[in-house]
Amino acid sequence: MATVSDDLKPLSVDPTKPGKLRVADDEVNVQLPVVQAEWTDDVAQFRGPKKPVTKECVLIIDTVSGEAVLERISNNIQLKAIRDGRK
């Protein structure tokens, strides 16, 4: 399990469409579709390093069943927005 966080998610990201996640060695790339895109391939792009962590966990609580699970985190990913120069 890994934690992923970003520095800024633009309001233009379309939450109804799937994005793409690519992991290559120690780098992660994320592409999220945007609403009212000028080009068909317009996406919000994020990139960041995948860093191993040893002493972090996350508590996942199912509010319906009340079940709680403690999961150990193996990696932390801090994403930064990549600016596109086309506009």
Protein backbone atom coordinates (compact mmCIF):
# COMPACT_ATOMS: atom_id res chain seq x y z
CA MET A 1 0.00 0.00 0.00
CA ALA A 2 1.17 3.53 -0.76
CA THR A 3 -0.04 7.00 0.18
CA VAL A 4 -0.42 9.51 -2.64
CA SER A 5 -0.83 13.25 -2.19
CA ASP A 6 -0.69 16.20 -4.57
CA ASP A 7 0.25 19.84 -4.25
CA LEU A 8 -2.79 21.18 -6.14
CA LYS A 9 -5.65 19.48 -7.98
CA PRO A 10 -7.14 21.88 -10.54
CA LEU A 11 -10.91 22.45 -10.46
CA SER A 12 -10.92 21.55 -14.16
CA VAL A 13 -10.29 17.84 -13.41
CA ASP A 14 -13.29 15.76 -14.53
CA PRO A 15 -14.21 13.44 -11.60
CA THR A 16 -16.54 11.37 -13.81
CA LYS A 17 -13.78 10.05 -16.10
CA PRO A 18 -10.96 7.62 -15.27
CA GLY A 19 -7.36 8.77 -15.13
CA LYS A 20 -4.09 7.00 -15.85
CA LEU A 21 -1.44 5.99 -13.31
CA ARG A 22 2.01 4.86 -14.47
CA VAL A 23 4.75 3.65 -12.14
CA ALA A 24 8.26 3.40 -13.60
CA ASP A 25 11.06 2.44 -11.20
CA ASP A 26 10.97 5.15 -8.52
CA GLU A 27 8.78 7.69 -10.36
CA VAL A 28 4.98 7.94 -10.61
CA ASN A 29 3.05 9.75 -13.36
CA VAL A 30 -0.67 10.53 -13.11
CA GLN A 31 -2.88 11.92 -15.90
CA LEU A 32 -6.43 13.09 -15.11
CA PRO A 33 -8.91 14.21 -17.82
CA VAL A 34 -10.18 17.78 -17.69
CA VAL A 35 -13.65 19.19 -18.40
CA GLN A 36 -14.17 21.35 -21.48
CA ALA A 37 -10.81 20.36 -22.94
CA GLU A 38 -9.51 22.35 -25.93
CA TRP A 39 -7.77 19.22 -27.25
CA THR A 40 -8.97 15.62 -26.97
CA ASP A 41 -5.77 14.69 -25.15
CA ASP A 42 -5.96 17.54 -22.57
CA VAL A 43 -5.12 16.19 -19.15
CA ALA A 44 -3.91 17.49 -15.79
CA GLN A 45 -0.50 15.89 -15.29
CA PHE A 46 1.28 15.09 -12.04
CA ARG A 47 4.67 13.54 -11.38
CA GLY A 48 6.55 12.57 -8.25
CA PRO A 49 9.05 10.20 -6.68
CA LYS A 50 8.06 6.96 -4.96
CA LYS A 51 9.87 6.87 -1.60
CA PRO A 52 9.90 3.84 0.70
CA VAL A 53 8.68 4.30 4.29
CA THR A 54 9.08 1.86 7.15
CA LYS A 55 7.02 3.03 10.11
CA GLU A 56 3.73 4.40 8.75
CA CYS A 57 0.24 2.93 8.80
CA VAL A 58 -3.25 3.99 7.79
CA LEU A 59 -6.48 3.06 9.56
CA ILE A 60 -9.33 2.15 7.17
CA ILE A 61 -12.82 2.17 8.69
CA ASP A 62 -15.85 0.74 6.92
CA THR A 63 -18.67 2.98 8.15
CA VAL A 64 -21.34 0.49 7.04
CA SER A 65 -20.03 -2.63 8.79
CA GLY A 66 -18.00 -0.87 11.49
CA GLU A 67 -14.96 -2.99 10.60
CA ALA A 68 -11.55 -1.34 11.02
CA VAL A 69 -8.32 -2.48 9.36
CA LEU A 70 -4.81 -1.18 10.06
CA GLU A 71 -2.66 -1.32 6.89
CA ARG A 72 1.09 -0.81 6.76
CA ILE A 73 2.28 1.73 4.15
CA SER A 74 5.29 0.71 2.08
CA ASN A 75 5.67 3.85 -0.09
CA ASN A 76 4.86 7.56 -0.01
CA ILE A 77 4.29 9.46 -3.26
CA GLN A 78 4.25 13.29 -3.31
CA LEU A 79 2.91 14.48 -6.67
CA LYS A 80 3.59 17.88 -8.22
CA ALA A 81 1.55 19.39 -11.04
CA ILE A 82 3.31 19.49 -14.42
CA ARG A 83 2.49 22.63 -16.41
CA ASP A 84 1.76 22.22 -20.14
CA GLY A 85 3.07 25.01 -22.38
CA ARG A 86 0.46 24.59 -25.16
CA LYS A 87 -1.97 27.22 -23.84
